[in-house]
Amino acid sequence: MFLHILKKTFQDFFSWYLWRFFFIRLLLAWGFALFMLYGFHLFLQYLAQQWQWFGDFLEIPIVGTLFYVSLLMVVAVALIIMVFLLLINFHSEAIIKLIQKKHYPHRVLEGQLSWWESIGNTLRKSFYFLILYLLSLPFMAIPLVGAILTLVLWAYFIDATLFFEIGRNIYTREKYLMIKQHYRGIRFILALFGALVNLIPVLNFTASVFIFVLYIHFLMN
């Protein structure tokens, strides 16, 4: 089943019909996110010049560097979530219908997720994710532990947001809750796989699209 879903996901991911919808949106979302990250970097540099104590702190070997990098990492994660919001939450229904029409014309979409429910769930789960991420920052420097923590945290975020977003657009609330309970193991594997793709350099720029399509095929099947 997993290989079948993966095959369909790759077919869609490299197809023109999907990127015709995503390409400009993806460029705009990431362009804005990188611009904001660079702006935050310049803001920190400005603070270091204006506040001597802050500039002195940043120049402390190891401690200052770790603090600076940690701040940039937190902001980068927040911006990745923002890209996720711009790409997925505002276009989820359209993407689901696009894939349903191509692969599952027999499937009736029973769910109806309101915009407020969608945004509310993503913001709430994003807040939990950021809190957990901040708490785990001291352990991120430990080679193997840091990698595992990052993978698990992103897997949690992907599952907590995408499964809800797609599941509630396809199924009624009752069916969604039943499927959520029944397929916990497969959900965890899919989320880990998605998190792994999200951590691969270059691929992570389009990971949100890949993971979204992967979850649609899983839930449609």
Protein backbone atom coordinates (compact mmCIF):
# COMPACT_ATOMS: atom_id res chain seq x y z
CA MET A 1 0.00 0.00 0.00
CA PHE A 2 2.75 2.45 0.98
CA LEU A 3 4.69 1.86 -2.26
CA HIS A 4 1.53 2.34 -4.31
CA ILE A 5 0.82 5.66 -2.55
CA LEU A 6 4.45 6.72 -2.95
CA LYS A 7 4.39 5.94 -6.69
CA LYS A 8 1.28 8.07 -7.24
CA THR A 9 2.76 10.87 -5.13
CA PHE A 10 5.94 11.00 -7.21
CA GLN A 11 3.91 10.92 -10.43
CA ASP A 12 1.89 13.93 -9.29
CA PHE A 13 4.86 15.72 -7.77
CA PHE A 14 6.69 15.72 -11.11
CA SER A 15 3.60 16.49 -13.19
CA TRP A 16 2.85 19.79 -14.89
CA TYR A 17 -0.82 19.90 -13.85
CA LEU A 18 0.18 20.24 -10.18
CA TRP A 19 3.05 22.70 -10.64
CA ARG A 20 0.91 24.86 -12.89
CA PHE A 21 -1.06 25.51 -9.70
CA PHE A 22 1.87 25.71 -7.26
CA PHE A 23 4.89 27.21 -9.02
CA ILE A 24 4.21 30.96 -8.70
CA ARG A 25 2.66 30.54 -5.24
CA LEU A 26 5.71 28.62 -4.04
CA LEU A 27 8.15 31.22 -5.37
CA LEU A 28 6.22 34.08 -3.77
CA ALA A 29 5.86 32.30 -0.41
CA TRP A 30 9.54 31.33 -0.15
CA GLY A 31 10.70 34.68 -1.52
CA PHE A 32 8.75 36.47 1.19
CA ALA A 33 10.01 34.05 3.89
CA LEU A 34 13.68 34.45 2.91
CA PHE A 35 13.27 38.22 2.70
CA MET A 36 11.83 38.23 6.24
CA LEU A 37 14.68 36.02 7.52
CA TYR A 38 17.28 38.33 6.01
CA GLY A 39 15.41 41.30 7.50
CA PHE A 40 15.55 39.69 10.95
CA HIS A 41 19.31 39.11 10.51
CA LEU A 42 19.78 42.82 9.69
CA PHE A 43 17.60 43.77 12.68
CA LEU A 44 19.85 41.76 15.03
CA GLN A 45 22.91 43.42 13.51
CA TYR A 46 21.29 46.82 14.09
CA LEU A 47 20.53 45.96 17.73
CA ALA A 48 24.14 44.83 18.21
CA GLN A 49 25.31 48.25 17.01
CA GLN A 50 22.80 50.25 19.06
CA TRP A 51 23.03 48.26 22.30
CA GLN A 52 26.62 47.70 23.28
CA TRP A 53 25.77 45.03 25.86
CA PHE A 54 23.93 43.03 23.18
CA GLY A 55 26.82 43.38 20.73
CA ASP A 56 29.31 42.32 23.43
CA PHE A 57 27.14 39.33 24.28
CA LEU A 58 27.04 38.16 20.66
CA GLU A 59 30.82 38.37 20.49
CA ILE A 60 31.30 35.94 23.39
CA PRO A 61 32.89 32.80 21.88
CA ILE A 62 30.50 29.85 21.45
CA VAL A 63 27.74 31.26 23.72
CA GLY A 64 27.08 34.33 21.57
CA THR A 65 27.24 32.33 18.36
CA LEU A 66 24.91 29.63 19.69
CA PHE A 67 22.42 32.26 20.84
CA TYR A 68 22.50 34.02 17.46
CA VAL A 69 22.12 30.79 15.49
CA SER A 70 19.33 29.59 17.81
CA LEU A 71 17.39 32.82 17.25
CA LEU A 72 17.75 32.52 13.49
CA MET A 73 16.69 28.85 13.66
CA VAL A 74 13.52 29.69 15.60
CA VAL A 75 12.62 32.47 13.17
CA ALA A 76 13.40 30.17 10.21
CA VAL A 77 11.07 27.51 11.63
CA ALA A 78 8.34 30.12 12.16
CA LEU A 79 8.78 31.24 8.53
CA ILE A 80 8.59 27.65 7.26
CA ILE A 81 5.27 27.36 9.11
CA MET A 82 4.18 30.62 7.46
CA VAL A 83 5.02 29.18 4.01
CA PHE A 84 3.04 26.09 4.98
CA LEU A 85 0.07 28.29 5.89
CA LEU A 86 0.25 30.29 2.66
CA LEU A 87 0.54 27.21 0.45
CA ILE A 88 -1.63 24.65 2.15
CA ASN A 89 -4.34 26.20 4.31
CA PHE A 90 -5.47 28.68 1.69
CA HIS A 91 -5.45 26.18 -1.18
CA SER A 92 -6.12 22.76 0.37
CA GLU A 93 -9.65 22.28 -0.97
CA ALA A 94 -8.61 23.23 -4.52
CA ILE A 95 -5.62 20.83 -4.46
CA ILE A 96 -7.69 17.96 -3.07
CA LYS A 97 -10.32 18.44 -5.81
CA LEU A 98 -7.58 18.61 -8.44
CA ILE A 99 -6.12 15.24 -7.40
CA GLN A 100 -9.55 13.71 -6.81
CA LYS A 101 -10.63 14.62 -10.34
CA LYS A 102 -7.48 13.08 -11.85
CA HIS A 103 -7.14 9.88 -9.79
CA TYR A 104 -10.36 9.29 -7.83
CA PRO A 105 -13.36 10.51 -9.87
CA HIS A 106 -15.53 7.90 -8.11
CA ARG A 107 -14.69 9.32 -4.67
CA VAL A 108 -17.28 11.63 -3.16
CA LEU A 109 -15.81 14.33 -0.91
CA GLU A 110 -17.98 14.16 2.19
CA GLY A 111 -16.08 16.56 4.41
CA GLN A 112 -16.33 20.29 4.74
CA LEU A 113 -13.66 22.10 6.71
CA SER A 114 -14.23 25.78 7.34
CA TRP A 115 -11.44 28.28 6.80
CA TRP A 116 -11.51 29.25 10.49
CA GLU A 117 -11.21 25.62 11.63
CA SER A 118 -8.29 25.09 9.26
CA ILE A 119 -6.34 28.19 10.30
CA GLY A 120 -7.23 27.70 13.98
CA ASN A 121 -5.91 24.13 14.04
CA THR A 122 -2.69 25.04 12.19
CA LEU A 123 -1.97 28.02 14.45
CA ARG A 124 -2.67 26.00 17.60
CA LYS A 125 -0.46 23.08 16.52
CA SER A 126 2.21 25.53 15.33
CA PHE A 127 2.25 27.12 18.79
CA TYR A 128 2.70 23.69 20.45
CA PHE A 129 5.40 22.84 17.94
CA LEU A 130 7.34 26.06 18.56
CA ILE A 131 7.14 25.57 22.36
CA LEU A 132 8.49 22.01 22.01
CA TYR A 133 11.15 23.25 19.58
CA LEU A 134 12.32 25.95 22.02
CA LEU A 135 12.44 23.44 24.88
CA SER A 136 14.51 21.03 22.78
CA LEU A 137 17.03 23.64 21.54
CA PRO A 138 19.62 22.83 24.27
CA PHE A 139 19.72 19.23 22.98
CA MET A 140 19.97 20.13 19.28
CA ALA A 141 23.77 20.48 19.50
CA ILE A 142 24.12 16.79 20.44
CA PRO A 143 24.72 15.10 17.04
CA LEU A 144 22.41 12.05 17.03
CA VAL A 145 19.94 13.34 19.64
CA GLY A 146 19.50 16.62 17.76
CA ALA A 147 18.76 14.85 14.47
CA ILE A 148 16.21 12.51 16.06
CA LEU A 149 14.52 15.35 17.95
CA THR A 150 14.24 17.46 14.80
CA LEU A 151 12.79 14.53 12.86
CA VAL A 152 10.22 13.68 15.56
CA LEU A 153 9.16 17.32 16.07
CA TRP A 154 8.59 17.88 12.36
CA ALA A 155 6.75 14.55 12.12
CA TYR A 156 4.44 15.72 14.92
CA PHE A 157 3.77 19.03 13.15
CA ILE A 158 3.10 17.38 9.78
CA ASP A 159 0.73 14.80 11.23
CA ALA A 160 -1.08 17.24 13.54
CA THR A 161 -1.79 19.71 10.73
CA LEU A 162 -1.94 17.83 7.43
CA PHE A 163 -3.94 14.83 8.56
CA PHE A 164 -6.58 17.12 10.02
CA GLU A 165 -6.59 19.49 7.04
CA ILE A 166 -6.97 16.79 4.40
CA GLY A 167 -8.99 14.30 6.43
CA ARG A 168 -11.70 16.79 7.32
CA ASN A 169 -11.95 17.96 3.69
CA ILE A 170 -12.47 14.37 2.46
CA TYR A 171 -14.47 12.71 5.24
CA THR A 172 -17.16 13.61 7.72
CA ARG A 173 -15.98 14.36 11.26
CA GLU A 174 -17.02 10.87 12.47
CA LYS A 175 -15.21 9.02 9.67
CA TYR A 176 -12.15 11.23 10.07
CA LEU A 177 -11.89 10.43 13.80
CA MET A 178 -12.31 6.70 13.10
CA ILE A 179 -9.57 6.70 10.44
CA LYS A 180 -7.31 8.80 12.64
CA GLN A 181 -7.59 6.23 15.43
CA HIS A 182 -7.33 3.16 13.21
CA TYR A 183 -4.26 4.19 11.18
CA ARG A 184 -2.01 5.61 13.89
CA GLY A 185 0.97 3.44 12.89
CA ILE A 186 0.84 4.30 9.17
CA ARG A 187 0.28 7.97 10.01
CA PHE A 188 3.45 7.99 12.08
CA ILE A 189 5.47 6.36 9.26
CA LEU A 190 4.13 8.84 6.70
CA ALA A 191 4.85 11.77 9.00
CA LEU A 192 8.42 10.58 9.62
CA PHE A 193 8.96 10.12 5.89
CA GLY A 194 7.58 13.61 5.27
CA ALA A 195 9.81 15.05 7.99
CA LEU A 196 12.84 13.37 6.42
CA VAL A 197 12.02 14.90 3.01
CA ASN A 198 11.57 18.27 4.73
CA LEU A 199 15.14 18.09 6.11
CA ILE A 200 16.85 17.31 2.79
CA PRO A 201 18.59 20.42 1.39
CA VAL A 202 16.99 21.86 -1.80
CA LEU A 203 14.10 19.36 -1.59
CA ASN A 204 12.85 21.08 1.56
CA PHE A 205 11.82 24.09 -0.55
CA THR A 206 9.13 21.96 -2.18
CA ALA A 207 8.60 19.49 0.67
CA SER A 208 5.26 20.98 1.75
CA VAL A 209 3.81 20.21 -1.70
CA PHE A 210 5.20 16.66 -1.73
CA ILE A 211 3.96 15.85 1.78
CA PHE A 212 0.53 17.32 1.08
CA VAL A 213 0.09 15.18 -2.05
CA LEU A 214 1.35 12.12 -0.16
CA TYR A 215 -1.31 12.57 2.54
CA ILE A 216 -4.07 13.12 -0.03
CA HIS A 217 -3.27 9.80 -1.73
CA PHE A 218 -3.09 8.02 1.61
CA LEU A 219 -6.50 9.31 2.72
CA MET A 220 -8.10 8.79 -0.70
CA ASN A 221 -6.99 5.15 -0.60
